[in-house]
Amino acid sequence: MARGEAIEEAAMQLVARLENELLTEESYFRCQLLREDLARLKRLQELACSAPNVQAFEKEGRMLAWTPDSLRNWELKEALDPFLQAFYAAATIGGSNAEDRLLAAWRALDARRLERLVGCLSRVPRPEGG
């Protein structure tokens, strides 16, 4: 299997899950986020094809707008880095647990990001370092 085909296959299940969620989601906010996520995953697929190694992929992947205008991307680092590593590994190495690892990493990233996005609307002070 060619690298591009492996990358396509690795993201396909995750994309399919998000597309199914989009069809049934009632929240406008969540629907918008799902549409943005689908666009980000497409961009990650492109990056995985063109990146010479995992470090270059992670660097570019971190620069996608995971939060509005990327202003709070740094707050997602602890969940974003494992997701990017799992995405790249699923795309380039594969293996029996690659998709499970990718899905688990996605869920952790999504939960962390929602926690941060909702947090930016609250009146609770920002975390230290922000």
N, C-alpha and C. Protein backbone atom coordinates (compact mmCIF):
# COMPACT_ATOMS: atom_id res chain seq x y z
N MET A 1 0.85 -1.18 0.00
CA MET A 1 0.00 0.00 0.00
C MET A 1 0.89 1.24 0.00
N ALA A 2 0.59 2.17 -0.86
CA ALA A 2 1.36 3.42 -0.95
C ALA A 2 1.09 4.29 0.27
N ARG A 3 2.04 5.18 0.56
CA ARG A 3 1.92 6.05 1.73
C ARG A 3 0.63 6.86 1.71
N GLY A 4 0.29 7.45 0.58
CA GLY A 4 -0.93 8.24 0.47
C GLY A 4 -2.18 7.43 0.76
N GLU A 5 -2.20 6.18 0.29
CA GLU A 5 -3.35 5.30 0.55
C GLU A 5 -3.45 4.96 2.02
N ALA A 6 -2.31 4.71 2.67
CA ALA A 6 -2.30 4.40 4.10
C ALA A 6 -2.81 5.59 4.90
N ILE A 7 -2.41 6.78 4.51
CA ILE A 7 -2.85 7.99 5.20
C ILE A 7 -4.35 8.17 5.04
N GLU A 8 -4.83 7.94 3.84
CA GLU A 8 -6.26 8.05 3.57
C GLU A 8 -7.04 7.07 4.45
N GLU A 9 -6.56 5.83 4.51
CA GLU A 9 -7.24 4.79 5.28
C GLU A 9 -7.21 5.10 6.77
N ALA A 10 -6.09 5.60 7.27
CA ALA A 10 -5.95 5.89 8.69
C ALA A 10 -6.96 6.93 9.16
N ALA A 11 -7.17 7.94 8.37
CA ALA A 11 -8.08 9.02 8.76
C ALA A 11 -9.53 8.71 8.42
N MET A 12 -9.75 7.74 7.53
CA MET A 12 -11.09 7.49 7.02
C MET A 12 -12.10 7.14 8.12
N GLN A 13 -11.72 6.26 9.03
CA GLN A 13 -12.66 5.88 10.09
C GLN A 13 -12.98 7.06 10.99
N LEU A 14 -11.97 7.84 11.33
CA LEU A 14 -12.20 9.01 12.17
C LEU A 14 -13.09 10.02 11.44
N VAL A 15 -12.82 10.25 10.18
CA VAL A 15 -13.64 11.17 9.38
C VAL A 15 -15.07 10.65 9.31
N ALA A 16 -15.25 9.36 9.08
CA ALA A 16 -16.59 8.78 9.01
C ALA A 16 -17.34 8.97 10.32
N ARG A 17 -16.66 8.80 11.44
CA ARG A 17 -17.30 9.00 12.75
C ARG A 17 -17.77 10.45 12.90
N LEU A 18 -16.89 11.38 12.53
CA LEU A 18 -17.25 12.79 12.67
C LEU A 18 -18.38 13.18 11.72
N GLU A 19 -18.37 12.64 10.51
CA GLU A 19 -19.45 12.92 9.57
C GLU A 19 -20.78 12.38 10.10
N ASN A 20 -20.77 11.21 10.71
CA ASN A 20 -21.99 10.65 11.30
C ASN A 20 -22.47 11.50 12.47
N GLU A 21 -21.53 11.96 13.29
CA GLU A 21 -21.91 12.84 14.40
C GLU A 21 -22.55 14.12 13.87
N LEU A 22 -22.00 14.66 12.79
CA LEU A 22 -22.51 15.89 12.21
C LEU A 22 -23.96 15.73 11.75
N LEU A 23 -24.29 14.56 11.23
CA LEU A 23 -25.65 14.31 10.74
C LEU A 23 -26.68 14.31 11.86
N THR A 24 -26.27 13.94 13.06
CA THR A 24 -27.23 13.80 14.16
C THR A 24 -27.10 14.87 15.24
N GLU A 25 -26.06 15.67 15.16
CA GLU A 25 -25.81 16.68 16.20
C GLU A 25 -26.86 17.79 16.13
N GLU A 26 -27.37 18.18 17.29
CA GLU A 26 -28.39 19.23 17.36
C GLU A 26 -27.80 20.60 17.72
N SER A 27 -26.65 20.60 18.34
CA SER A 27 -26.03 21.85 18.79
C SER A 27 -25.35 22.56 17.62
N TYR A 28 -25.71 23.82 17.41
CA TYR A 28 -25.07 24.62 16.36
C TYR A 28 -23.57 24.72 16.60
N PHE A 29 -23.20 24.99 17.83
CA PHE A 29 -21.79 25.12 18.20
C PHE A 29 -21.03 23.85 17.86
N ARG A 30 -21.56 22.71 18.26
CA ARG A 30 -20.89 21.43 18.01
C ARG A 30 -20.84 21.12 16.51
N CYS A 31 -21.90 21.44 15.77
CA CYS A 31 -21.89 21.22 14.31
C CYS A 31 -20.79 22.04 13.64
N GLN A 32 -20.66 23.28 14.05
CA GLN A 32 -19.60 24.13 13.48
C GLN A 32 -18.23 23.56 13.80
N LEU A 33 -18.04 23.12 15.02
CA LEU A 33 -16.76 22.54 15.42
C LEU A 33 -16.47 21.26 14.63
N LEU A 34 -17.48 20.44 14.40
CA LEU A 34 -17.30 19.22 13.61
C LEU A 34 -16.90 19.54 12.18
N ARG A 35 -17.53 20.55 11.59
CA ARG A 35 -17.15 20.96 10.22
C ARG A 35 -15.69 21.42 10.19
N GLU A 36 -15.30 22.19 11.18
CA GLU A 36 -13.92 22.66 11.26
C GLU A 36 -12.96 21.49 11.47
N ASP A 37 -13.37 20.53 12.30
CA ASP A 37 -12.53 19.35 12.54
C ASP A 37 -12.34 18.53 11.27
N LEU A 38 -13.38 18.38 10.50
CA LEU A 38 -13.26 17.64 9.24
C LEU A 38 -12.27 18.33 8.30
N ALA A 39 -12.30 19.64 8.26
CA ALA A 39 -11.34 20.38 7.44
C ALA A 39 -9.92 20.21 7.98
N ARG A 40 -9.77 20.21 9.31
CA ARG A 40 -8.44 20.01 9.91
C ARG A 40 -7.90 18.62 9.59
N LEU A 41 -8.76 17.61 9.66
CA LEU A 41 -8.31 16.25 9.36
C LEU A 41 -7.87 16.12 7.91
N LYS A 42 -8.58 16.79 7.02
CA LYS A 42 -8.17 16.78 5.60
C LYS A 42 -6.79 17.42 5.46
N ARG A 43 -6.58 18.51 6.16
CA ARG A 43 -5.28 19.18 6.12
C ARG A 43 -4.20 18.29 6.72
N LEU A 44 -4.51 17.57 7.80
CA LEU A 44 -3.53 16.66 8.38
C LEU A 44 -3.17 15.54 7.41
N GLN A 45 -4.15 15.07 6.65
CA GLN A 45 -3.86 14.05 5.64
C GLN A 45 -2.86 14.60 4.63
N GLU A 46 -3.07 15.82 4.19
CA GLU A 46 -2.15 16.44 3.23
C GLU A 46 -0.76 16.61 3.84
N LEU A 47 -0.72 17.04 5.09
CA LEU A 47 0.57 17.22 5.77
C LEU A 47 1.31 15.89 5.92
N ALA A 48 0.58 14.84 6.26
CA ALA A 48 1.21 13.53 6.44
C ALA A 48 1.82 13.03 5.14
N CYS A 49 1.21 13.38 4.03
CA CYS A 49 1.76 12.99 2.72
C CYS A 49 3.03 13.76 2.38
N SER A 50 3.09 15.01 2.79
CA SER A 50 4.21 15.86 2.38
C SER A 50 5.32 15.99 3.42
N ALA A 51 5.03 15.69 4.67
CA ALA A 51 6.04 15.86 5.72
C ALA A 51 7.15 14.82 5.59
N PRO A 52 8.40 15.26 5.69
CA PRO A 52 9.51 14.31 5.55
C PRO A 52 9.67 13.38 6.76
N ASN A 53 9.14 13.80 7.93
CA ASN A 53 9.25 12.98 9.14
C ASN A 53 8.20 13.42 10.15
N VAL A 54 8.12 12.67 11.25
CA VAL A 54 7.10 12.95 12.26
C VAL A 54 7.29 14.31 12.90
N GLN A 55 8.53 14.74 13.10
CA GLN A 55 8.77 16.04 13.72
C GLN A 55 8.23 17.18 12.86
N ALA A 56 8.46 17.11 11.57
CA ALA A 56 7.94 18.14 10.66
C ALA A 56 6.42 18.10 10.64
N PHE A 57 5.85 16.90 10.64
CA PHE A 57 4.39 16.75 10.67
C PHE A 57 3.82 17.39 11.93
N GLU A 58 4.40 17.08 13.09
CA GLU A 58 3.90 17.62 14.35
C GLU A 58 4.00 19.15 14.37
N LYS A 59 5.11 19.67 13.90
CA LYS A 59 5.29 21.13 13.89
C LYS A 59 4.20 21.81 13.06
N GLU A 60 3.95 21.30 11.87
CA GLU A 60 2.91 21.87 11.01
C GLU A 60 1.51 21.61 11.60
N GLY A 61 1.30 20.43 12.13
CA GLY A 61 0.00 20.08 12.70
C GLY A 61 -0.37 20.94 13.89
N ARG A 62 0.62 21.33 14.68
CA ARG A 62 0.36 22.20 15.83
C ARG A 62 -0.08 23.59 15.40
N MET A 63 0.26 23.98 14.18
CA MET A 63 -0.06 25.33 13.72
C MET A 63 -1.47 25.45 13.14
N LEU A 64 -2.17 24.34 13.00
CA LEU A 64 -3.56 24.43 12.54
C LEU A 64 -4.37 25.12 13.63
N ALA A 65 -5.43 25.76 13.26
CA ALA A 65 -6.24 26.53 14.21
C ALA A 65 -7.11 25.59 15.05
N TRP A 66 -6.50 24.98 16.06
CA TRP A 66 -7.24 24.07 16.94
C TRP A 66 -8.10 24.85 17.92
N THR A 67 -7.76 26.11 18.13
CA THR A 67 -8.57 27.04 18.93
C THR A 67 -8.74 28.29 18.06
N PRO A 68 -9.71 29.14 18.37
CA PRO A 68 -9.92 30.33 17.54
C PRO A 68 -8.63 31.13 17.35
N ASP A 69 -8.28 31.34 16.09
CA ASP A 69 -7.08 32.08 15.71
C ASP A 69 -5.80 31.48 16.29
N SER A 70 -5.85 30.24 16.71
CA SER A 70 -4.69 29.51 17.27
C SER A 70 -4.14 30.16 18.54
N LEU A 71 -4.87 31.08 19.13
CA LEU A 71 -4.36 31.82 20.27
C LEU A 71 -4.16 30.96 21.51
N ARG A 72 -4.92 29.88 21.61
CA ARG A 72 -4.81 29.05 22.82
C ARG A 72 -4.39 27.62 22.49
N ASN A 73 -3.79 27.42 21.33
CA ASN A 73 -3.33 26.08 20.96
C ASN A 73 -2.37 25.50 22.01
N TRP A 74 -1.55 26.34 22.61
CA TRP A 74 -0.58 25.88 23.60
C TRP A 74 -1.25 25.15 24.75
N GLU A 75 -2.50 25.51 25.05
CA GLU A 75 -3.21 24.86 26.15
C GLU A 75 -3.61 23.42 25.81
N LEU A 76 -3.56 23.07 24.54
CA LEU A 76 -3.95 21.73 24.10
C LEU A 76 -2.76 20.80 23.93
N LYS A 77 -1.57 21.30 24.14
CA LYS A 77 -0.34 20.55 23.84
C LYS A 77 -0.35 19.13 24.41
N GLU A 78 -0.77 18.98 25.67
CA GLU A 78 -0.71 17.66 26.30
C GLU A 78 -1.63 16.65 25.63
N ALA A 79 -2.65 17.08 24.94
CA ALA A 79 -3.54 16.17 24.20
C ALA A 79 -3.27 16.22 22.70
N LEU A 80 -2.85 17.38 22.20
CA LEU A 80 -2.62 17.53 20.76
C LEU A 80 -1.41 16.74 20.28
N ASP A 81 -0.32 16.78 21.03
CA ASP A 81 0.89 16.06 20.60
C ASP A 81 0.65 14.56 20.48
N PRO A 82 0.02 13.91 21.48
CA PRO A 82 -0.25 12.47 21.31
C PRO A 82 -1.19 12.18 20.13
N PHE A 83 -2.15 13.07 19.87
CA PHE A 83 -3.03 12.87 18.72
C PHE A 83 -2.24 12.95 17.42
N LEU A 84 -1.39 13.95 17.29
CA LEU A 84 -0.60 14.09 16.06
C LEU A 84 0.33 12.88 15.88
N GLN A 85 0.92 12.41 16.95
CA GLN A 85 1.78 11.23 16.88
C GLN A 85 0.99 10.00 16.46
N ALA A 86 -0.21 9.85 17.03
CA ALA A 86 -1.06 8.70 16.67
C ALA A 86 -1.52 8.79 15.22
N PHE A 87 -1.85 9.98 14.77
CA PHE A 87 -2.28 10.17 13.38
C PHE A 87 -1.15 9.78 12.43
N TYR A 88 0.02 10.30 12.69
CA TYR A 88 1.17 10.01 11.82
C TYR A 88 1.53 8.53 11.86
N ALA A 89 1.51 7.94 13.04
CA ALA A 89 1.83 6.51 13.17
C ALA A 89 0.80 5.66 12.43
N ALA A 90 -0.47 5.99 12.57
CA ALA A 90 -1.52 5.24 11.87
C ALA A 90 -1.36 5.37 10.37
N ALA A 91 -0.92 6.54 9.94
CA ALA A 91 -0.78 6.80 8.51
C ALA A 91 0.46 6.16 7.91
N THR A 92 1.53 6.05 8.69
CA THR A 92 2.79 5.59 8.11
C THR A 92 3.17 4.18 8.54
N ILE A 93 2.82 3.79 9.76
CA ILE A 93 3.21 2.49 10.27
C ILE A 93 2.03 1.52 10.25
N GLY A 94 0.87 2.03 10.63
CA GLY A 94 -0.32 1.19 10.68
C GLY A 94 -0.24 0.23 11.85
N GLY A 95 -0.78 -0.95 11.67
CA GLY A 95 -0.79 -1.93 12.74
C GLY A 95 -2.18 -2.14 13.28
N SER A 96 -2.33 -3.21 14.03
CA SER A 96 -3.66 -3.61 14.48
C SER A 96 -4.29 -2.62 15.44
N ASN A 97 -3.49 -1.95 16.26
CA ASN A 97 -4.09 -1.03 17.23
C ASN A 97 -3.95 0.43 16.84
N ALA A 98 -3.46 0.71 15.64
CA ALA A 98 -3.22 2.09 15.22
C ALA A 98 -4.51 2.92 15.20
N GLU A 99 -5.58 2.35 14.66
CA GLU A 99 -6.84 3.12 14.59
C GLU A 99 -7.45 3.30 15.97
N ASP A 100 -7.31 2.28 16.84
CA ASP A 100 -7.81 2.42 18.21
C ASP A 100 -7.04 3.51 18.94
N ARG A 101 -5.73 3.53 18.76
CA ARG A 101 -4.90 4.55 19.39
C ARG A 101 -5.26 5.94 18.85
N LEU A 102 -5.50 6.02 17.55
CA LEU A 102 -5.87 7.29 16.94
C LEU A 102 -7.21 7.78 17.50
N LEU A 103 -8.18 6.90 17.59
CA LEU A 103 -9.49 7.30 18.11
C LEU A 103 -9.40 7.72 19.57
N ALA A 104 -8.65 6.99 20.37
CA ALA A 104 -8.48 7.36 21.79
C ALA A 104 -7.80 8.72 21.91
N ALA A 105 -6.79 8.95 21.10
CA ALA A 105 -6.08 10.24 21.13
C ALA A 105 -7.00 11.36 20.67
N TRP A 106 -7.85 11.09 19.67
CA TRP A 106 -8.80 12.10 19.20
C TRP A 106 -9.79 12.45 20.31
N ARG A 107 -10.31 11.44 20.98
CA ARG A 107 -11.28 11.70 22.06
C ARG A 107 -10.66 12.55 23.16
N ALA A 108 -9.41 12.26 23.51
CA ALA A 108 -8.72 13.04 24.54
C ALA A 108 -8.53 14.49 24.09
N LEU A 109 -8.14 14.67 22.84
CA LEU A 109 -7.96 16.02 22.30
C LEU A 109 -9.28 16.77 22.25
N ASP A 110 -10.31 16.12 21.78
CA ASP A 110 -11.63 16.75 21.68
C ASP A 110 -12.13 17.17 23.06
N ALA A 111 -11.98 16.30 24.04
CA ALA A 111 -12.43 16.62 25.40
C ALA A 111 -11.64 17.80 25.96
N ARG A 112 -10.34 17.79 25.78
CA ARG A 112 -9.50 18.88 26.28
C ARG A 112 -9.85 20.20 25.60
N ARG A 113 -10.05 20.14 24.31
CA ARG A 113 -10.36 21.36 23.57
C ARG A 113 -11.72 21.92 23.97
N LEU A 114 -12.72 21.06 24.11
CA LEU A 114 -14.03 21.54 24.54
C LEU A 114 -13.96 22.15 25.93
N GLU A 115 -13.19 21.54 26.78
CA GLU A 115 -12.98 22.07 28.13
C GLU A 115 -12.39 23.48 28.04
N ARG A 116 -11.44 23.67 27.14
CA ARG A 116 -10.80 24.97 26.97
C ARG A 116 -11.72 25.96 26.27
N LEU A 117 -12.45 25.53 25.26
CA LEU A 117 -13.35 26.44 24.55
C LEU A 117 -14.47 26.92 25.45
N VAL A 118 -15.04 26.00 26.20
CA VAL A 118 -16.08 26.39 27.15
C VAL A 118 -15.46 27.28 28.21
N GLY A 119 -14.25 26.94 28.61
CA GLY A 119 -13.55 27.74 29.61
C GLY A 119 -13.34 29.18 29.16
N CYS A 120 -13.12 29.38 27.87
CA CYS A 120 -12.87 30.75 27.40
C CYS A 120 -14.14 31.59 27.45
N LEU A 121 -15.29 30.95 27.59
CA LEU A 121 -16.55 31.68 27.71
C LEU A 121 -16.92 31.94 29.17
N SER A 122 -16.23 31.26 30.08
CA SER A 122 -16.59 31.39 31.49
C SER A 122 -15.90 32.59 32.12
N ARG A 123 -16.31 32.89 33.31
CA ARG A 123 -15.71 34.02 34.03
C ARG A 123 -14.62 33.55 34.98
N VAL A 124 -14.32 32.27 34.93
CA VAL A 124 -13.24 31.73 35.75
C VAL A 124 -11.92 32.22 35.17
N PRO A 125 -10.97 32.62 36.01
CA PRO A 125 -9.69 33.12 35.49
C PRO A 125 -8.97 32.09 34.62
N ARG A 126 -8.21 32.57 33.66
CA ARG A 126 -7.41 31.70 32.79
C ARG A 126 -6.37 30.97 33.62
N PRO A 127 -5.94 29.81 33.16
CA PRO A 127 -4.90 29.09 33.89
C PRO A 127 -3.59 29.87 33.89
N GLU A 128 -2.76 29.58 34.86
CA GLU A 128 -1.45 30.24 34.94
C GLU A 128 -0.68 30.00 33.66
N GLY A 129 0.10 30.98 33.25
CA GLY A 129 0.89 30.87 32.02
C GLY A 129 0.15 31.41 30.82
N GLY A 130 -1.08 31.89 30.99
CA GLY A 130 -1.89 32.34 29.87
C GLY A 130 -2.00 33.76 29.73
